Amino acid sequence: MSHNLACYRCGAALAELSLPLSRHDRCPACSADLHVCRMCAFFDRHVPRQCREDGAEDVTEKERPNFCDWFKPSDAAFDPARKAEADAAQDALAALFGDD
C-alpha cells in the first residue's frame, strides 16, 4: 500500500518503507528513529503528556523508539518551520564556535 509519510526530523520521503513501521525503522536520510511519539498521529505538543490518546502510556522521551500500542504514523509529522529553526540554531552555533 502506498503512503505519503515523511521523516518528522528532516522531511525525507519514507515511501520505500512498508507499514506498519517497525520499532527498528530509521530514516534513510538522517537516521532518525521513526517509531517515536513525534512521528505519531496522536502527538500534540499542546496537550498534557503531548499525546491525544488517553489510553497510551506516558512516554517521556518523544524522539526515542517505544513500544506504544497506539502508535499510528502521521503524514503530517514533518514541520518545516521547526526544521528551519533547528537549522538556524545549528548555523548560529557553527558561526560562534567554528565548523571544524
N, C-alpha and C. Protein backbone atom coordinates (compact mmCIF):
# COMPACT_ATOMS: atom_id res chain seq x y z
N MET A 1 0.84 -1.17 0.00
CA MET A 1 0.00 0.00 0.00
C MET A 1 0.89 1.25 0.00
N SER A 2 0.53 2.22 -0.79
CA SER A 2 1.29 3.46 -0.90
C SER A 2 0.95 4.40 0.26
N HIS A 3 1.94 5.19 0.68
CA HIS A 3 1.71 6.17 1.74
C HIS A 3 2.58 7.40 1.48
N ASN A 4 2.24 8.49 2.13
CA ASN A 4 2.94 9.77 1.94
C ASN A 4 3.70 10.19 3.18
N LEU A 5 4.26 9.26 3.90
CA LEU A 5 4.98 9.60 5.13
C LEU A 5 6.30 10.30 4.82
N ALA A 6 6.64 11.24 5.71
CA ALA A 6 7.92 11.93 5.63
C ALA A 6 8.52 11.93 7.03
N CYS A 7 9.82 11.88 7.11
CA CYS A 7 10.52 11.89 8.39
C CYS A 7 10.16 13.15 9.17
N TYR A 8 9.84 12.99 10.45
CA TYR A 8 9.48 14.14 11.29
C TYR A 8 10.65 15.09 11.47
N ARG A 9 11.88 14.60 11.37
CA ARG A 9 13.05 15.43 11.63
C ARG A 9 13.55 16.16 10.38
N CYS A 10 13.72 15.45 9.26
CA CYS A 10 14.33 16.07 8.08
C CYS A 10 13.38 16.24 6.90
N GLY A 11 12.23 15.59 6.92
CA GLY A 11 11.27 15.72 5.83
C GLY A 11 11.48 14.77 4.67
N ALA A 12 12.45 13.87 4.77
CA ALA A 12 12.72 12.92 3.69
C ALA A 12 11.53 11.98 3.50
N ALA A 13 11.25 11.64 2.25
CA ALA A 13 10.16 10.72 1.94
C ALA A 13 10.48 9.32 2.48
N LEU A 14 9.45 8.68 3.02
CA LEU A 14 9.61 7.33 3.58
C LEU A 14 8.81 6.30 2.80
N ALA A 15 8.52 6.59 1.54
CA ALA A 15 7.66 5.74 0.72
C ALA A 15 8.22 4.32 0.56
N GLU A 16 9.54 4.17 0.61
CA GLU A 16 10.11 2.83 0.42
C GLU A 16 9.96 1.93 1.65
N LEU A 17 9.59 2.52 2.79
CA LEU A 17 9.38 1.71 3.99
C LEU A 17 7.96 1.15 3.99
N SER A 18 7.83 -0.09 4.44
CA SER A 18 6.50 -0.69 4.49
C SER A 18 5.84 -0.43 5.84
N LEU A 19 4.53 -0.38 5.82
CA LEU A 19 3.76 -0.20 7.05
C LEU A 19 3.30 -1.55 7.55
N PRO A 20 3.14 -1.73 8.84
CA PRO A 20 3.40 -0.76 9.89
C PRO A 20 4.90 -0.58 10.12
N LEU A 21 5.25 0.63 10.57
CA LEU A 21 6.66 0.91 10.86
C LEU A 21 7.11 0.04 12.02
N SER A 22 8.28 -0.50 11.89
CA SER A 22 8.89 -1.30 12.95
C SER A 22 9.53 -0.40 13.99
N ARG A 23 9.69 -0.90 15.18
CA ARG A 23 10.39 -0.16 16.23
C ARG A 23 11.84 0.12 15.82
N HIS A 24 12.35 -0.63 14.87
CA HIS A 24 13.74 -0.50 14.44
C HIS A 24 13.91 0.31 13.16
N ASP A 25 12.81 0.78 12.56
CA ASP A 25 12.92 1.55 11.32
C ASP A 25 13.56 2.91 11.59
N ARG A 26 14.42 3.32 10.65
CA ARG A 26 15.10 4.61 10.74
C ARG A 26 14.96 5.33 9.41
N CYS A 27 15.04 6.64 9.47
CA CYS A 27 15.00 7.46 8.27
C CYS A 27 16.25 7.17 7.44
N PRO A 28 16.08 6.88 6.15
CA PRO A 28 17.25 6.61 5.31
C PRO A 28 18.13 7.85 5.09
N ALA A 29 17.58 9.05 5.28
CA ALA A 29 18.35 10.27 5.05
C ALA A 29 19.10 10.76 6.28
N CYS A 30 18.43 10.77 7.45
CA CYS A 30 19.07 11.35 8.65
C CYS A 30 19.25 10.34 9.79
N SER A 31 18.82 9.12 9.59
CA SER A 31 18.94 8.03 10.58
C SER A 31 18.12 8.23 11.85
N ALA A 32 17.12 9.12 11.81
CA ALA A 32 16.26 9.31 12.98
C ALA A 32 15.38 8.07 13.16
N ASP A 33 15.18 7.67 14.42
CA ASP A 33 14.25 6.59 14.71
C ASP A 33 12.85 7.05 14.30
N LEU A 34 12.02 6.13 13.80
CA LEU A 34 10.71 6.52 13.29
C LEU A 34 9.53 6.06 14.12
N HIS A 35 9.68 5.00 14.90
CA HIS A 35 8.58 4.53 15.76
C HIS A 35 8.66 5.32 17.07
N VAL A 36 8.42 6.64 16.95
CA VAL A 36 8.57 7.56 18.08
C VAL A 36 7.32 8.43 18.18
N CYS A 37 7.12 9.01 19.34
CA CYS A 37 5.95 9.87 19.57
C CYS A 37 5.87 11.00 18.57
N ARG A 38 7.00 11.63 18.26
CA ARG A 38 7.00 12.77 17.34
C ARG A 38 6.49 12.39 15.95
N MET A 39 6.52 11.13 15.60
CA MET A 39 6.08 10.66 14.28
C MET A 39 4.63 10.17 14.31
N CYS A 40 4.01 10.21 15.47
CA CYS A 40 2.68 9.62 15.66
C CYS A 40 1.55 10.62 15.40
N ALA A 41 0.45 10.13 14.88
CA ALA A 41 -0.74 10.95 14.62
C ALA A 41 -1.34 11.49 15.92
N PHE A 42 -1.10 10.84 17.04
CA PHE A 42 -1.65 11.28 18.33
C PHE A 42 -0.76 12.30 19.04
N PHE A 43 0.45 12.55 18.52
CA PHE A 43 1.35 13.50 19.14
C PHE A 43 0.79 14.91 18.99
N ASP A 44 0.77 15.64 20.11
CA ASP A 44 0.31 17.04 20.10
C ASP A 44 1.02 17.75 21.23
N ARG A 45 1.93 18.63 20.90
CA ARG A 45 2.73 19.31 21.93
C ARG A 45 1.90 20.22 22.81
N HIS A 46 0.63 20.48 22.46
CA HIS A 46 -0.21 21.42 23.20
C HIS A 46 -1.15 20.76 24.20
N VAL A 47 -1.06 19.45 24.39
CA VAL A 47 -1.91 18.77 25.36
C VAL A 47 -1.03 18.11 26.43
N PRO A 48 -1.62 17.80 27.59
CA PRO A 48 -0.83 17.14 28.63
C PRO A 48 -0.22 15.84 28.10
N ARG A 49 0.98 15.56 28.50
CA ARG A 49 1.74 14.38 28.09
C ARG A 49 2.06 14.40 26.60
N GLN A 50 1.65 15.44 25.87
CA GLN A 50 1.85 15.59 24.44
C GLN A 50 1.27 14.43 23.63
N CYS A 51 0.19 13.85 24.14
CA CYS A 51 -0.47 12.73 23.46
C CYS A 51 -1.98 12.88 23.58
N ARG A 52 -2.68 12.78 22.44
CA ARG A 52 -4.14 12.89 22.44
C ARG A 52 -4.83 11.56 22.72
N GLU A 53 -4.08 10.49 22.88
CA GLU A 53 -4.68 9.19 23.20
C GLU A 53 -4.61 8.97 24.71
N ASP A 54 -5.78 9.00 25.35
CA ASP A 54 -5.83 8.85 26.81
C ASP A 54 -5.33 7.50 27.29
N GLY A 55 -5.49 6.46 26.48
CA GLY A 55 -5.10 5.11 26.90
C GLY A 55 -3.62 4.81 26.77
N ALA A 56 -2.88 5.68 26.12
CA ALA A 56 -1.45 5.43 25.90
C ALA A 56 -0.65 5.67 27.17
N GLU A 57 0.38 4.86 27.35
CA GLU A 57 1.28 5.05 28.48
C GLU A 57 2.08 6.32 28.28
N ASP A 58 2.52 6.92 29.38
CA ASP A 58 3.32 8.13 29.30
C ASP A 58 4.72 7.79 28.79
N VAL A 59 5.15 8.50 27.77
CA VAL A 59 6.50 8.35 27.21
C VAL A 59 7.20 9.67 27.39
N THR A 60 8.29 9.69 28.13
CA THR A 60 8.96 10.96 28.43
C THR A 60 9.87 11.43 27.29
N GLU A 61 10.51 10.52 26.60
CA GLU A 61 11.42 10.89 25.52
C GLU A 61 10.70 10.69 24.18
N LYS A 62 10.22 11.77 23.61
CA LYS A 62 9.34 11.73 22.44
C LYS A 62 10.06 11.39 21.14
N GLU A 63 11.39 11.38 21.14
CA GLU A 63 12.15 11.07 19.93
C GLU A 63 12.93 9.76 20.06
N ARG A 64 12.56 8.93 21.04
CA ARG A 64 13.19 7.62 21.23
C ARG A 64 12.20 6.53 20.87
N PRO A 65 12.67 5.42 20.30
CA PRO A 65 11.76 4.32 19.94
C PRO A 65 11.00 3.84 21.17
N ASN A 66 9.74 3.44 20.96
CA ASN A 66 8.93 2.95 22.07
C ASN A 66 8.06 1.79 21.61
N PHE A 67 7.36 1.21 22.55
CA PHE A 67 6.50 0.06 22.27
C PHE A 67 5.02 0.42 22.35
N CYS A 68 4.67 1.67 22.15
CA CYS A 68 3.30 2.13 22.29
C CYS A 68 2.37 1.37 21.34
N ASP A 69 1.32 0.79 21.90
CA ASP A 69 0.33 0.06 21.09
C ASP A 69 -0.55 0.99 20.28
N TRP A 70 -0.60 2.26 20.62
CA TRP A 70 -1.45 3.23 19.94
C TRP A 70 -0.74 3.91 18.78
N PHE A 71 0.53 3.63 18.58
CA PHE A 71 1.31 4.32 17.56
C PHE A 71 0.67 4.20 16.18
N LYS A 72 0.49 5.36 15.54
CA LYS A 72 -0.03 5.43 14.18
C LYS A 72 0.77 6.51 13.47
N PRO A 73 1.58 6.16 12.46
CA PRO A 73 2.42 7.16 11.82
C PRO A 73 1.58 8.26 11.15
N SER A 74 2.05 9.47 11.28
CA SER A 74 1.34 10.63 10.73
C SER A 74 2.04 11.13 9.48
N ASP A 75 1.25 11.43 8.46
CA ASP A 75 1.84 12.01 7.25
C ASP A 75 2.04 13.52 7.40
N ALA A 76 1.68 14.06 8.57
CA ALA A 76 1.87 15.49 8.84
C ALA A 76 2.88 15.73 9.96
N ALA A 77 3.73 14.74 10.24
CA ALA A 77 4.68 14.85 11.35
C ALA A 77 5.80 15.85 11.06
N PHE A 78 6.17 16.02 9.81
CA PHE A 78 7.25 16.95 9.48
C PHE A 78 6.74 18.38 9.56
N ASP A 79 7.48 19.22 10.29
CA ASP A 79 7.14 20.63 10.45
C ASP A 79 8.28 21.46 9.86
N PRO A 80 8.08 22.01 8.67
CA PRO A 80 9.16 22.78 8.03
C PRO A 80 9.64 23.96 8.87
N ALA A 81 8.74 24.60 9.62
CA ALA A 81 9.14 25.74 10.46
C ALA A 81 10.08 25.28 11.56
N ARG A 82 9.79 24.14 12.16
CA ARG A 82 10.65 23.59 13.21
C ARG A 82 12.03 23.24 12.63
N LYS A 83 12.04 22.69 11.42
CA LYS A 83 13.31 22.36 10.76
C LYS A 83 14.11 23.63 10.48
N ALA A 84 13.45 24.68 10.05
CA ALA A 84 14.13 25.95 9.77
C ALA A 84 14.73 26.53 11.05
N GLU A 85 13.99 26.43 12.17
CA GLU A 85 14.51 26.90 13.46
C GLU A 85 15.74 26.11 13.87
N ALA A 86 15.66 24.79 13.73
CA ALA A 86 16.79 23.94 14.10
C ALA A 86 18.01 24.22 13.23
N ASP A 87 17.79 24.42 11.94
CA ASP A 87 18.90 24.74 11.03
C ASP A 87 19.53 26.08 11.39
N ALA A 88 18.70 27.07 11.72
CA ALA A 88 19.21 28.40 12.09
C ALA A 88 20.03 28.32 13.38
N ALA A 89 19.55 27.54 14.34
CA ALA A 89 20.29 27.38 15.60
C ALA A 89 21.63 26.68 15.34
N GLN A 90 21.61 25.67 14.48
CA GLN A 90 22.85 24.95 14.14
C GLN A 90 23.83 25.88 13.44
N ASP A 91 23.34 26.71 12.54
CA ASP A 91 24.21 27.67 11.84
C ASP A 91 24.80 28.70 12.81
N ALA A 92 23.99 29.14 13.77
CA ALA A 92 24.47 30.11 14.77
C ALA A 92 25.57 29.49 15.64
N LEU A 93 25.39 28.25 16.01
CA LEU A 93 26.43 27.55 16.80
C LEU A 93 27.71 27.39 15.97
N ALA A 94 27.55 27.03 14.73
CA ALA A 94 28.73 26.86 13.87
C ALA A 94 29.46 28.18 13.71
N ALA A 95 28.73 29.27 13.58
CA ALA A 95 29.36 30.60 13.45
C ALA A 95 30.05 31.00 14.74
N LEU A 96 29.47 30.65 15.87
CA LEU A 96 30.02 31.01 17.16
C LEU A 96 31.28 30.20 17.51
N PHE A 97 31.21 28.89 17.27
CA PHE A 97 32.29 28.01 17.69
C PHE A 97 33.15 27.50 16.55
N GLY A 98 32.81 27.83 15.34
CA GLY A 98 33.56 27.33 14.19
C GLY A 98 32.98 26.00 13.74
N ASP A 99 33.15 25.69 12.50
CA ASP A 99 32.54 24.49 11.91
C ASP A 99 33.57 23.38 11.72
N ASP A 100 34.68 23.44 12.42
CA ASP A 100 35.76 22.46 12.24
C ASP A 100 35.40 21.13 12.76
